[in-house]
Protein backbone atom coordinates (compact mmCIF):
# COMPACT_ATOMS: atom_id res chain seq x y z
CA MET A 1 -4.68 36.08 14.30
CA ASN A 2 -7.73 37.37 14.60
CA ASP A 3 -11.23 35.09 13.94
CA ASP A 4 -11.72 35.75 10.44
CA THR A 5 -7.79 35.05 9.50
CA THR A 6 -8.36 32.15 11.76
CA ASP A 7 -11.99 31.05 9.77
CA THR A 8 -10.07 30.99 6.67
CA SER A 9 -6.78 29.14 7.38
CA LEU A 10 -8.65 26.49 9.18
CA SER A 11 -11.34 26.00 5.65
CA ALA A 12 -8.07 26.24 3.81
CA ALA A 13 -6.24 23.57 5.64
CA ARG A 14 -9.44 21.50 5.59
CA ALA A 15 -9.68 21.75 1.73
CA TYR A 16 -6.34 20.90 1.12
CA VAL A 17 -6.91 17.59 3.78
CA THR A 18 -10.14 16.93 1.43
CA ARG A 19 -8.69 17.37 -2.10
CA VAL A 20 -5.17 15.38 -1.22
CA CYS A 21 -5.91 12.59 1.21
CA TRP A 22 -8.54 9.36 2.25
CA PRO A 23 -11.01 9.83 5.08
CA ALA A 24 -10.80 7.29 7.27
CA HIS A 25 -14.02 5.33 6.31
CA ASP A 26 -13.10 5.22 3.01
CA LEU A 27 -9.55 4.03 3.47
CA ALA A 28 -10.19 -0.03 3.00
CA ALA A 29 -12.04 1.20 -0.69
CA GLY A 30 -9.34 3.61 -1.42
CA VAL A 31 -6.75 1.02 -1.32
CA GLY A 32 -8.99 -1.54 -2.53
CA ILE A 33 -9.45 -4.36 0.01
CA SER A 34 -12.11 -5.03 2.03
CA GLU A 35 -13.18 -3.77 5.72
CA ALA A 36 -11.76 -7.14 6.99
CA ASP A 37 -8.51 -6.69 5.28
CA LEU A 38 -8.03 -3.51 6.52
CA ARG A 39 -8.61 -4.35 10.31
CA ALA A 40 -6.14 -7.32 9.95
CA LEU A 41 -3.42 -5.09 8.28
CA ASP A 42 -4.24 -2.95 11.27
CA ALA A 43 -3.71 -5.87 13.69
CA ALA A 44 -0.36 -6.12 12.45
CA GLY A 45 0.60 -3.61 13.01
CA VAL A 46 1.39 -1.77 9.51
CA VAL A 47 -1.64 0.97 9.63
CA PRO A 48 -0.05 4.20 9.98
CA ALA A 49 -1.78 6.72 12.03
CA PRO A 50 -3.78 9.08 10.03
CA THR A 51 -1.90 11.78 8.30
CA TYR A 52 -4.19 14.58 9.69
CA ARG A 53 -7.34 14.84 12.22
CA VAL A 54 -9.57 16.93 11.35
CA GLY A 55 -12.49 18.46 13.81
CA ARG A 56 -14.83 21.30 14.19
CA GLU A 57 -12.19 23.73 15.67
CA GLY A 58 -8.91 22.58 14.50
CA VAL A 59 -6.57 20.58 11.61
CA GLU A 60 -3.51 18.38 13.85
CA SER A 61 -1.20 16.54 11.78
CA ALA A 62 2.03 15.22 13.00
CA ILE A 63 4.11 18.20 12.37
CA GLY A 64 1.73 20.87 12.44
CA ARG A 65 -1.59 22.13 13.63
CA ILE A 66 -4.11 24.85 13.47
CA GLY A 67 -6.54 24.79 16.18
CA GLU A 68 -7.34 21.95 18.51
CA ALA A 69 -8.99 19.35 16.24
CA GLY A 70 -10.70 17.80 18.92
CA ALA A 71 -11.49 14.21 20.47
CA ASP A 72 -14.42 13.77 18.19
CA ALA A 73 -11.95 14.65 15.31
CA ARG A 74 -11.92 12.08 11.95
CA GLY A 75 -8.57 10.79 10.56
CA TRP A 76 -7.36 11.17 6.73
CA PHE A 77 -4.43 9.47 5.35
CA GLY A 78 -2.23 10.48 2.68
CA PRO A 79 -1.60 8.49 -0.45
CA ALA A 80 1.55 7.14 0.57
CA VAL A 81 -0.42 5.37 3.27
CA VAL A 82 -2.87 3.73 0.43
CA VAL A 83 0.14 2.83 -1.53
CA TRP A 84 1.97 1.33 0.98
CA LEU A 85 -0.96 -0.71 2.00
CA ARG A 86 -1.42 -1.86 -1.47
CA ARG A 87 2.10 -3.24 -1.06
CA ALA A 88 1.30 -4.73 2.20
CA VAL A 89 -1.58 -6.66 0.76
CA VAL A 90 0.62 -8.30 -1.27
CA ALA A 91 3.43 -8.75 0.75
CA ALA A 92 1.19 -10.29 3.12
CA GLU A 93 0.91 -13.30 0.61
CA GLN A 94 4.34 -14.31 1.15
CA VAL A 95 4.49 -13.84 5.44
CA SER A 96 2.57 -14.32 8.15
CA LEU A 97 1.09 -11.02 9.59
CA SER A 98 2.95 -11.38 12.82
CA ARG A 99 6.22 -11.12 10.49
CA LEU A 100 4.88 -8.34 8.01
CA GLY A 101 6.32 -5.67 9.72
CA ASP A 102 9.46 -6.93 9.52
CA ALA A 103 8.91 -8.17 5.75
CA LEU A 104 7.96 -4.26 5.41
CA ALA A 105 11.01 -2.95 7.13
CA GLU A 106 13.01 -5.44 5.36
CA ASP A 107 11.93 -4.46 2.19
CA LEU A 108 11.56 -0.74 2.62
CA THR A 109 16.13 -1.06 3.71
CA ASN A 110 17.00 -3.26 0.29
CA ASP A 111 15.06 -0.60 -1.89
CA LEU A 112 17.15 2.27 -0.01
CA VAL A 113 20.52 0.38 -0.44
CA ALA A 114 19.12 -0.42 -3.98
CA VAL A 115 18.60 3.51 -4.63
CA LEU A 116 21.47 4.63 -3.12
CA ASP A 117 23.73 2.16 -4.93
CA ALA A 118 22.55 4.03 -8.35
CA SER A 119 23.04 7.28 -6.98
CA ALA A 120 26.28 7.09 -4.68
CA ALA A 121 28.09 9.89 -6.54
CA ASP A 122 25.05 12.30 -5.20
CA ALA A 123 24.17 10.36 -2.40
CA MET A 124 27.50 9.81 -0.68
CA ILE A 125 28.22 14.23 -0.90
CA HIS A 126 24.42 14.95 -0.07
CA GLY A 127 23.21 13.72 3.36
CA TRP A 128 23.91 10.24 3.50
CA THR A 129 27.55 9.84 3.90
CA ASP A 130 26.82 7.64 7.45
CA LEU A 131 25.41 4.74 4.76
CA PHE A 132 28.28 4.25 2.99
CA ARG A 133 31.33 1.89 3.68
CA ASP A 134 33.88 1.69 0.54
CA GLY A 135 31.85 3.78 -1.88
CA ARG A 136 28.69 1.24 -1.61
CA CYS A 137 25.67 1.32 0.42
CA ASP A 138 26.10 -0.93 3.77
CA PRO A 139 22.74 -2.67 4.36
CA ALA A 140 23.40 -2.91 8.09
CA ALA A 141 23.33 1.02 8.37
CA ALA A 142 20.43 0.88 6.16
CA ARG A 143 18.52 -1.05 8.26
CA ALA A 144 19.49 0.98 11.24
CA TYR A 145 17.95 4.48 9.19
CA VAL A 146 14.76 2.41 8.90
CA THR A 147 14.18 1.17 12.44
CA GLN A 148 14.99 4.82 13.49
CA GLU A 149 12.48 6.56 10.96
CA TRP A 150 9.33 3.64 11.19
CA PRO A 151 8.14 5.03 14.40
CA ALA A 152 8.05 8.71 12.12
CA TRP A 153 6.07 6.55 9.53
CA MET A 154 3.75 5.12 11.67
CA ALA A 155 3.25 8.57 13.36
CA GLY A 156 1.86 9.97 10.65
CA ALA A 157 4.77 12.41 9.58
CA TRP A 158 6.44 11.13 6.61
CA ALA A 159 2.79 11.16 4.98
CA VAL A 160 2.86 14.51 5.38
CA CYS A 161 5.82 15.34 3.36
CA LEU A 162 5.99 12.38 0.44
CA ARG A 163 3.70 11.09 -2.14
CA ARG A 164 5.39 7.64 -1.39
CA PHE A 165 7.45 6.07 1.77
CA ASP A 166 10.13 4.31 -0.32
CA GLY A 167 14.08 4.39 -0.63
CA ARG A 168 13.79 6.71 -3.80
CA HIS A 169 11.30 9.49 -2.35
CA LEU A 170 13.64 9.51 0.55
CA VAL A 171 17.07 9.74 -0.89
CA ILE A 172 15.66 12.69 -3.34
CA LYS A 173 14.41 14.79 -0.07
CA GLU A 174 17.85 14.27 1.25
CA VAL A 175 19.71 14.82 -1.30
CA GLU A 176 17.92 18.26 -2.99
CA ARG A 177 17.51 19.69 0.52
CA ARG A 178 21.29 19.43 0.93
CA ARG A 179 21.88 20.44 -2.57
CA ILE A 180 19.63 23.17 -2.68
CA SER A 181 21.24 24.45 1.00
CA GLY A 182 24.63 23.89 -0.48
CA LEU A 183 23.90 26.38 -3.76
CA LEU A 184 21.98 29.20 -1.20
CA GLU A 185 25.67 28.81 0.95
CA THR A 186 27.80 29.14 -2.51
CA GLY A 187 25.96 31.47 -4.32
CA VAL A 188 23.11 31.68 -6.98
CA ALA A 189 24.69 34.41 -9.27
CA THR A 190 24.88 33.24 -12.90
CA ALA A 191 22.53 31.92 -14.78
CA MET A 192 23.75 28.38 -14.92
CA GLU A 193 23.77 28.39 -10.85
CA ARG A 194 20.43 29.82 -11.19
CA LEU A 195 18.91 26.52 -13.46
CA SER A 196 20.69 24.27 -11.18
CA LEU A 197 18.86 25.75 -8.23
CA LEU A 198 15.97 25.51 -9.93
CA ASP A 199 16.11 22.13 -11.58
CA ALA A 200 17.14 20.57 -7.49
CA MET A 201 13.82 22.77 -7.10
CA ALA A 202 12.00 20.59 -9.37
CA ARG A 203 13.29 17.54 -8.06
CA LEU A 204 12.46 18.11 -4.61
CA ASP A 205 9.10 19.02 -5.70
CA ALA A 206 8.19 16.27 -7.83
CA ILE A 207 8.82 13.57 -4.70
CA LEU A 208 6.75 15.91 -1.83
CA LEU A 209 3.18 16.52 -1.30
CA PRO A 210 2.08 20.41 -1.53
CA PHE A 211 1.60 20.04 2.53
CA ALA A 212 -1.48 22.22 3.82
CA PRO A 213 -1.46 25.99 3.95
CA HIS A 214 -0.28 26.51 7.63
CA GLU A 215 2.87 24.13 7.21
CA ARG A 216 4.06 25.18 4.27
CA PRO A 217 5.99 27.98 5.43
CA THR A 218 8.18 26.16 7.93
CA GLY A 219 8.30 22.93 6.07
CA THR A 220 10.38 21.48 3.13
CA PRO A 221 8.37 22.99 0.64
CA GLY A 222 8.07 26.44 1.99
CA GLN A 223 11.96 26.48 3.23
CA PHE A 224 13.31 24.68 0.24
CA ILE A 225 11.32 25.50 -2.86
CA ASP A 226 9.12 28.52 -2.33
CA GLU A 227 11.60 31.05 -0.05
CA PRO A 228 14.71 30.32 -2.71
CA ALA A 229 12.19 31.14 -5.18
CA ARG A 230 11.14 34.03 -3.82
CA ARG A 231 14.97 35.35 -2.83
CA PHE A 232 16.37 34.85 -6.19
CA GLY A 233 13.52 36.16 -8.08
CA LEU A 234 12.88 32.59 -9.77
CA PRO A 235 9.91 31.42 -12.05
CA TRP A 236 7.95 29.66 -9.57
CA THR A 237 4.06 29.23 -7.66
CA VAL A 238 2.95 27.18 -5.40
CA ALA A 239 0.56 25.59 -8.04
CA ASP A 240 4.33 23.88 -9.60
CA SER A 241 3.19 21.45 -7.39
CA GLY A 242 1.23 19.64 -9.75
CA PRO A 243 -1.44 17.10 -9.21
CA THR A 244 -2.22 15.11 -5.92
């Protein structure tokens, strides 16, 4: 990659981050709390790592990088973090800060169970089979899943992907990815099949962030939205990603 291309890609990545995310120094204001409240949440261990780190020579996230952000890079937080921290503030009205992380994980588990039970017909087929027992979501299996994904959330990875970190967004992401994969494997030949693929892409797109330009091609949007659209000549553009 030549220098001009690198400069353009870095500029595009920075522009995306500054358009979509909150800078660390404005995070408390974005959440709607005081800096002291944000420090308390951080001490309780419920503030995820920055979604992106942006420096003079690079942009980095938990899922990719372009260039090297450097030690003096500044942190930026995706919208899912802002929503998460708002809920953490209210949850802290009911439990001590020392119990806040466990309370949020329990709340996420309960949400995941409710969403999976409500969408069992799809979820048992598309990616969530192991969490079901006798046609119902097993709360213990759901809690194990939340425990498994918690480090990735706290490291900033899920905030790159999702507009919200909750049961609905987690379930839709996996179900529609699996549905799209299945459609691509069995073939998309008829207008009805093309419509089914387009609808699945739209449902997936609705819960995803667009991703930074250098991350999108190899990320979920590139693999499960852009590539199927190109492959089958579907009416779609990246601009369909909607407002952030």
